[in-house]
Amino acid sequence: MKLVRPKAFTMKAGKRAVLLLHGFTGNPADVRRLGRHLHKAGYTCHAPIYRGHGMQAETLIDTNPDDWWQDVLQGYAWLQEEGYEEIACAGVSLGGLFTLRAGAELELKGLVSMSAPILEKSMESLRRRVTYYANEYNRVTGLTQEEAETAQAQLEQHPMPFLEPLQQMITGVREELGDIEAPLYVIQGERDEPLYLESAPIIEREAGSAQKKLSFYKDSGHLITVGREKEALFQDIEAFLDTLDWKEPLE
C-alpha cells in the first residue's frame, strides 16, 4: 500500500498570521483542525512539516532536531516573505517546545504552547515513541505480521543518534524561558503523562512574559488538539489571540 506523505498546509485569510507546529513523530494533521477554526475566525495559518516526519521510521532517524528547527524557521520566514508582518505561534508537544524557543529567539505577537515537555525525557521513553511510530506506520502500510516483526527487530538494532540532541534541546529551551517577552498561553491536558503535567507550571512560572496564563483541561490527554475537548480548546485559543496587540484588524 502506497501512502501519501502528509504535507505542510496554508490557509490564507487576513493579515494576522499564526504559525502552527506539530509534534514529534506527528505531522500537520496534529494542528489542522485548529488551523481550520482559526482560519474561519480570520487568521492566516501555516503549518510546516519537519524533515523525516510522515515517512518510515528509518527516514526519521536520519534527521535530527536541528533539521526540524530549521523547518520551523523556514515556516516563519515563508510567512514573512508572503507579506505577513504580525505572526503568532502555536504548537503541540514538540511543537509546543518549538513555540517556546521561537518566542525566545524570534519576533512574535503571542505564543500558545500545548503539552510541551520542559523536563528531560529519558532515552528509553523517546526510543519507545519511535518504535510505536514505526509500528503504526507498518500497520497502515499493510505489512504482514511477519514483515512487521522483522522490521521492528531491525529498528531495535538501529542506532538513533538524534535522541541525545533532542534531550539537550528540551533542557536548552528551559534555559531560554526567561528570554520570552511575548504574551504566553500554556495549555495542558490533565490526562497526560506526569512529566508533561509537571512541565506546564514550570513553563508558566519561568517564562519572562509579562502577560501569561496556564490552563488545564481535565478530560484531555497529550495530543490535546484532537481530543474530546478540542472545540473548547480552539475557542480559548481564538480568544487569547484576539487579546493580542495586533495592528491589523481581522478580515
Protein backbone atom coordinates (compact mmCIF):
# COMPACT_ATOMS: atom_id res chain seq x y z
CA MET A 1 0.00 0.00 0.00
CA LYS A 2 1.43 3.34 -1.04
CA LEU A 3 0.83 6.14 1.42
CA VAL A 4 0.54 9.79 0.52
CA ARG A 5 3.02 11.62 2.70
CA PRO A 6 1.48 14.31 4.92
CA LYS A 7 2.25 17.82 3.71
CA ALA A 8 2.53 21.32 5.05
CA PHE A 9 -0.62 23.39 4.75
CA THR A 10 -1.50 27.05 4.40
CA MET A 11 -4.93 28.60 4.94
CA LYS A 12 -4.91 32.26 3.95
CA ALA A 13 -7.33 34.75 5.43
CA GLY A 14 -6.46 38.13 6.93
CA LYS A 15 -3.15 39.84 7.72
CA ARG A 16 -2.82 38.26 11.16
CA ALA A 17 -0.80 35.06 10.79
CA VAL A 18 -0.35 32.02 13.03
CA LEU A 19 2.49 29.53 12.62
CA LEU A 20 1.20 26.11 13.70
CA LEU A 21 3.68 23.42 14.81
CA HIS A 22 3.10 19.67 15.12
CA GLY A 23 4.61 17.12 17.49
CA PHE A 24 7.48 14.63 17.44
CA THR A 25 6.62 11.73 15.08
CA GLY A 26 3.46 13.66 14.19
CA ASN A 27 2.59 15.78 11.17
CA PRO A 28 0.48 18.86 10.33
CA ALA A 29 -2.71 16.83 10.90
CA ASP A 30 -1.96 17.41 14.62
CA VAL A 31 -2.93 21.06 14.15
CA ARG A 32 -5.13 21.00 11.04
CA ARG A 33 -8.45 21.27 12.90
CA LEU A 34 -7.10 24.15 14.97
CA GLY A 35 -5.97 25.78 11.73
CA ARG A 36 -9.44 25.44 10.22
CA HIS A 37 -11.01 27.02 13.29
CA LEU A 38 -8.62 29.97 13.33
CA HIS A 39 -8.88 30.40 9.57
CA LYS A 40 -12.65 30.68 9.87
CA ALA A 41 -12.07 33.34 12.54
CA GLY A 42 -9.97 35.38 10.10
CA TYR A 43 -6.41 34.25 10.86
CA THR A 44 -3.99 33.09 8.18
CA CYS A 45 -2.49 29.75 9.28
CA HIS A 46 0.64 28.00 8.07
CA ALA A 47 1.88 24.61 9.32
CA PRO A 48 5.23 23.26 8.09
CA ILE A 49 6.21 19.59 8.30
CA TYR A 50 9.53 18.62 9.84
CA ARG A 51 12.02 16.63 7.83
CA GLY A 52 11.65 12.85 8.16
CA HIS A 53 8.14 13.07 9.61
CA GLY A 54 5.24 11.30 7.95
CA MET A 55 7.69 8.78 6.46
CA GLN A 56 9.13 5.42 7.51
CA ALA A 57 10.97 5.39 10.83
CA GLU A 58 14.36 4.84 9.20
CA THR A 59 13.96 8.14 7.35
CA LEU A 60 13.01 9.94 10.56
CA ILE A 61 16.07 8.54 12.31
CA ASP A 62 18.33 10.03 9.65
CA THR A 63 17.19 13.54 10.59
CA ASN A 64 17.77 15.47 13.81
CA PRO A 65 16.26 18.24 15.98
CA ASP A 66 18.33 20.92 14.27
CA ASP A 67 16.77 19.91 10.94
CA TRP A 68 13.31 20.21 12.45
CA TRP A 69 14.08 23.58 13.98
CA GLN A 70 15.28 24.82 10.60
CA ASP A 71 11.89 23.78 9.18
CA VAL A 72 10.22 25.93 11.83
CA LEU A 73 12.43 28.87 10.90
CA GLN A 74 11.66 28.34 7.22
CA GLY A 75 7.94 28.36 8.02
CA TYR A 76 8.32 31.66 9.86
CA ALA A 77 10.43 33.11 7.01
CA TRP A 78 7.87 31.97 4.45
CA LEU A 79 5.13 33.90 6.21
CA GLN A 80 7.33 36.99 6.25
CA GLU A 81 8.11 36.59 2.55
CA GLU A 82 4.38 36.40 1.88
CA GLY A 83 4.00 39.82 3.49
CA TYR A 84 2.78 38.88 6.99
CA GLU A 85 4.30 41.33 9.44
CA GLU A 86 2.45 40.12 12.55
CA ILE A 87 2.87 36.44 13.41
CA ALA A 88 1.82 34.39 16.43
CA CYS A 89 2.88 30.80 17.06
CA ALA A 90 1.02 27.79 18.47
CA GLY A 91 2.29 24.23 18.80
CA VAL A 92 1.60 20.92 20.50
CA SER A 93 4.13 18.58 22.18
CA LEU A 94 7.47 19.11 20.39
CA GLY A 95 5.67 21.89 18.53
CA GLY A 96 4.89 23.46 21.90
CA LEU A 97 8.58 23.27 22.79
CA PHE A 98 9.49 24.85 19.46
CA THR A 99 6.89 27.56 20.13
CA LEU A 100 8.70 28.45 23.34
CA ARG A 101 12.06 28.51 21.56
CA ALA A 102 10.59 30.68 18.84
CA GLY A 103 9.28 33.05 21.50
CA ALA A 104 12.78 33.40 22.92
CA GLU A 105 14.51 33.87 19.57
CA LEU A 106 12.03 35.40 17.11
CA GLU A 107 9.69 38.38 16.99
CA LEU A 108 6.19 37.07 17.65
CA LYS A 109 2.90 38.62 18.73
CA GLY A 110 1.95 35.77 21.05
CA LEU A 111 2.59 32.13 21.91
CA VAL A 112 0.38 29.12 22.60
CA SER A 113 2.35 26.16 23.99
CA MET A 114 0.39 22.92 24.38
CA SER A 115 1.60 19.69 26.03
CA ALA A 116 5.22 20.83 25.90
CA PRO A 117 7.97 18.96 27.76
CA ILE A 118 10.43 21.13 29.66
CA LEU A 119 11.81 18.37 31.91
CA GLU A 120 14.28 15.96 30.34
CA LYS A 121 12.70 12.85 28.83
CA SER A 122 14.52 9.54 29.22
CA MET A 123 16.25 7.99 26.24
CA GLU A 124 14.09 4.92 26.71
CA SER A 125 10.82 6.87 26.52
CA LEU A 126 11.99 8.64 23.35
CA ARG A 127 13.04 5.35 21.79
CA ARG A 128 9.66 3.81 22.66
CA ARG A 129 7.97 6.70 20.88
CA VAL A 130 9.93 5.99 17.70
CA THR A 131 9.14 2.26 17.95
CA TYR A 132 5.43 2.98 18.37
CA TYR A 133 5.55 5.32 15.38
CA ALA A 134 7.28 2.65 13.29
CA ASN A 135 4.71 0.02 14.28
CA GLU A 136 1.81 2.32 13.36
CA TYR A 137 3.43 3.18 10.05
CA ASN A 138 3.96 -0.50 9.25
CA ARG A 139 0.36 -1.28 10.21
CA VAL A 140 -1.19 1.28 7.88
CA THR A 141 1.10 0.30 5.02
CA GLY A 142 -0.29 -3.22 5.19
CA LEU A 143 2.74 -5.23 6.27
CA THR A 144 2.06 -8.80 7.32
CA GLN A 145 2.68 -9.70 10.95
CA GLU A 146 5.89 -11.46 9.99
CA GLU A 147 7.10 -8.49 7.95
CA ALA A 148 6.22 -6.08 10.77
CA GLU A 149 8.08 -8.19 13.35
CA THR A 150 11.15 -8.31 11.10
CA ALA A 151 11.01 -4.55 10.59
CA GLN A 152 10.68 -3.96 14.33
CA ALA A 153 13.64 -6.22 15.11
CA GLN A 154 15.76 -4.33 12.60
CA LEU A 155 14.68 -0.99 14.04
CA GLU A 156 15.60 -2.05 17.57
CA GLN A 157 19.16 -2.64 16.37
CA HIS A 158 19.30 0.66 14.53
CA PRO A 159 21.20 3.49 16.29
CA MET A 160 19.16 6.61 16.99
CA PRO A 161 21.73 9.38 17.27
CA PHE A 162 19.13 12.16 17.30
CA LEU A 163 17.75 11.17 20.72
CA GLU A 164 20.51 12.77 22.79
CA PRO A 165 20.32 16.10 20.90
CA LEU A 166 16.55 16.01 21.42
CA GLN A 167 17.09 15.63 25.16
CA GLN A 168 19.54 18.52 25.08
CA MET A 169 17.13 20.70 23.14
CA ILE A 170 14.44 20.24 25.80
CA THR A 171 16.76 21.36 28.61
CA GLY A 172 18.19 24.12 26.40
CA VAL A 173 14.76 25.62 25.81
CA ARG A 174 14.16 25.74 29.55
CA GLU A 175 17.25 27.91 29.88
CA GLU A 176 15.71 30.32 27.34
CA LEU A 177 12.32 30.69 29.02
CA GLY A 178 13.36 33.90 30.73
CA ASP A 179 14.03 35.48 27.33
CA ILE A 180 10.39 35.17 26.26
CA GLU A 181 8.62 38.51 26.20
CA ALA A 182 5.54 37.86 24.07
CA PRO A 183 2.20 37.04 25.73
CA LEU A 184 2.12 33.32 26.52
CA TYR A 185 -0.72 30.82 26.90
CA VAL A 186 0.37 27.46 28.38
CA ILE A 187 -2.10 24.61 27.86
CA GLN A 188 -2.03 21.12 29.34
CA GLY A 189 -4.34 18.10 29.43
CA GLU A 190 -4.77 16.55 32.88
CA ARG A 191 -4.77 13.01 31.45
CA ASP A 192 -1.27 13.39 30.03
CA GLU A 193 1.87 11.75 31.46
CA PRO A 194 3.30 13.15 34.73
CA LEU A 195 6.34 14.70 33.02
CA TYR A 196 4.07 16.99 30.99
CA LEU A 197 1.83 17.78 33.94
CA GLU A 198 4.92 18.85 35.88
CA SER A 199 6.33 20.80 32.93
CA ALA A 200 3.34 23.10 32.39
CA PRO A 201 3.55 25.13 35.64
CA ILE A 202 7.33 25.36 35.29
CA ILE A 203 6.92 26.90 31.85
CA GLU A 204 4.34 29.39 33.10
CA ARG A 205 6.43 30.28 36.16
CA GLU A 206 9.82 30.65 34.45
CA ALA A 207 8.73 32.39 31.23
CA GLY A 208 9.67 36.05 31.11
CA SER A 209 6.34 37.15 29.61
CA ALA A 210 4.52 39.91 31.45
CA GLN A 211 1.21 38.50 30.15
CA LYS A 212 0.91 34.74 30.66
CA LYS A 213 -1.62 32.19 31.79
CA LEU A 214 -1.92 28.45 32.33
CA SER A 215 -4.98 26.30 31.63
CA PHE A 216 -5.56 22.62 32.35
CA TYR A 217 -8.20 20.56 30.51
CA LYS A 218 -9.47 17.79 32.74
CA ASP A 219 -10.63 15.35 30.05
CA SER A 220 -7.71 15.74 27.63
CA GLY A 221 -4.58 13.70 27.10
CA HIS A 222 -1.34 14.52 25.32
CA LEU A 223 -2.46 15.31 21.77
CA ILE A 224 -4.98 17.80 23.05
CA THR A 225 -5.70 19.32 19.63
CA VAL A 226 -7.57 16.18 18.54
CA GLY A 227 -9.00 15.24 21.94
CA ARG A 228 -12.53 15.35 23.30
CA GLU A 229 -12.22 18.96 24.50
CA LYS A 230 -10.82 20.28 21.22
CA GLU A 231 -13.74 22.59 20.43
CA ALA A 232 -13.47 24.36 23.78
CA LEU A 233 -9.70 24.46 23.33
CA PHE A 234 -10.00 26.10 19.93
CA GLN A 235 -12.37 28.74 21.30
CA ASP A 236 -9.97 29.51 24.14
CA ILE A 237 -7.01 29.85 21.77
CA GLU A 238 -9.00 32.12 19.48
CA ALA A 239 -9.98 34.26 22.48
CA PHE A 240 -6.34 34.50 23.57
CA LEU A 241 -5.18 35.50 20.09
CA ASP A 242 -7.90 38.13 19.93
CA THR A 243 -6.45 39.81 23.06
CA LEU A 244 -3.03 40.37 21.48
CA ASP A 245 -1.90 43.80 20.41
CA TRP A 246 -2.40 43.36 16.67
CA LYS A 247 -2.01 46.36 14.40
CA GLU A 248 -4.07 44.77 11.66
CA PRO A 249 -7.81 44.09 12.10
CA LEU A 250 -9.33 40.70 11.43
CA GLU A 251 -10.83 40.26 7.98
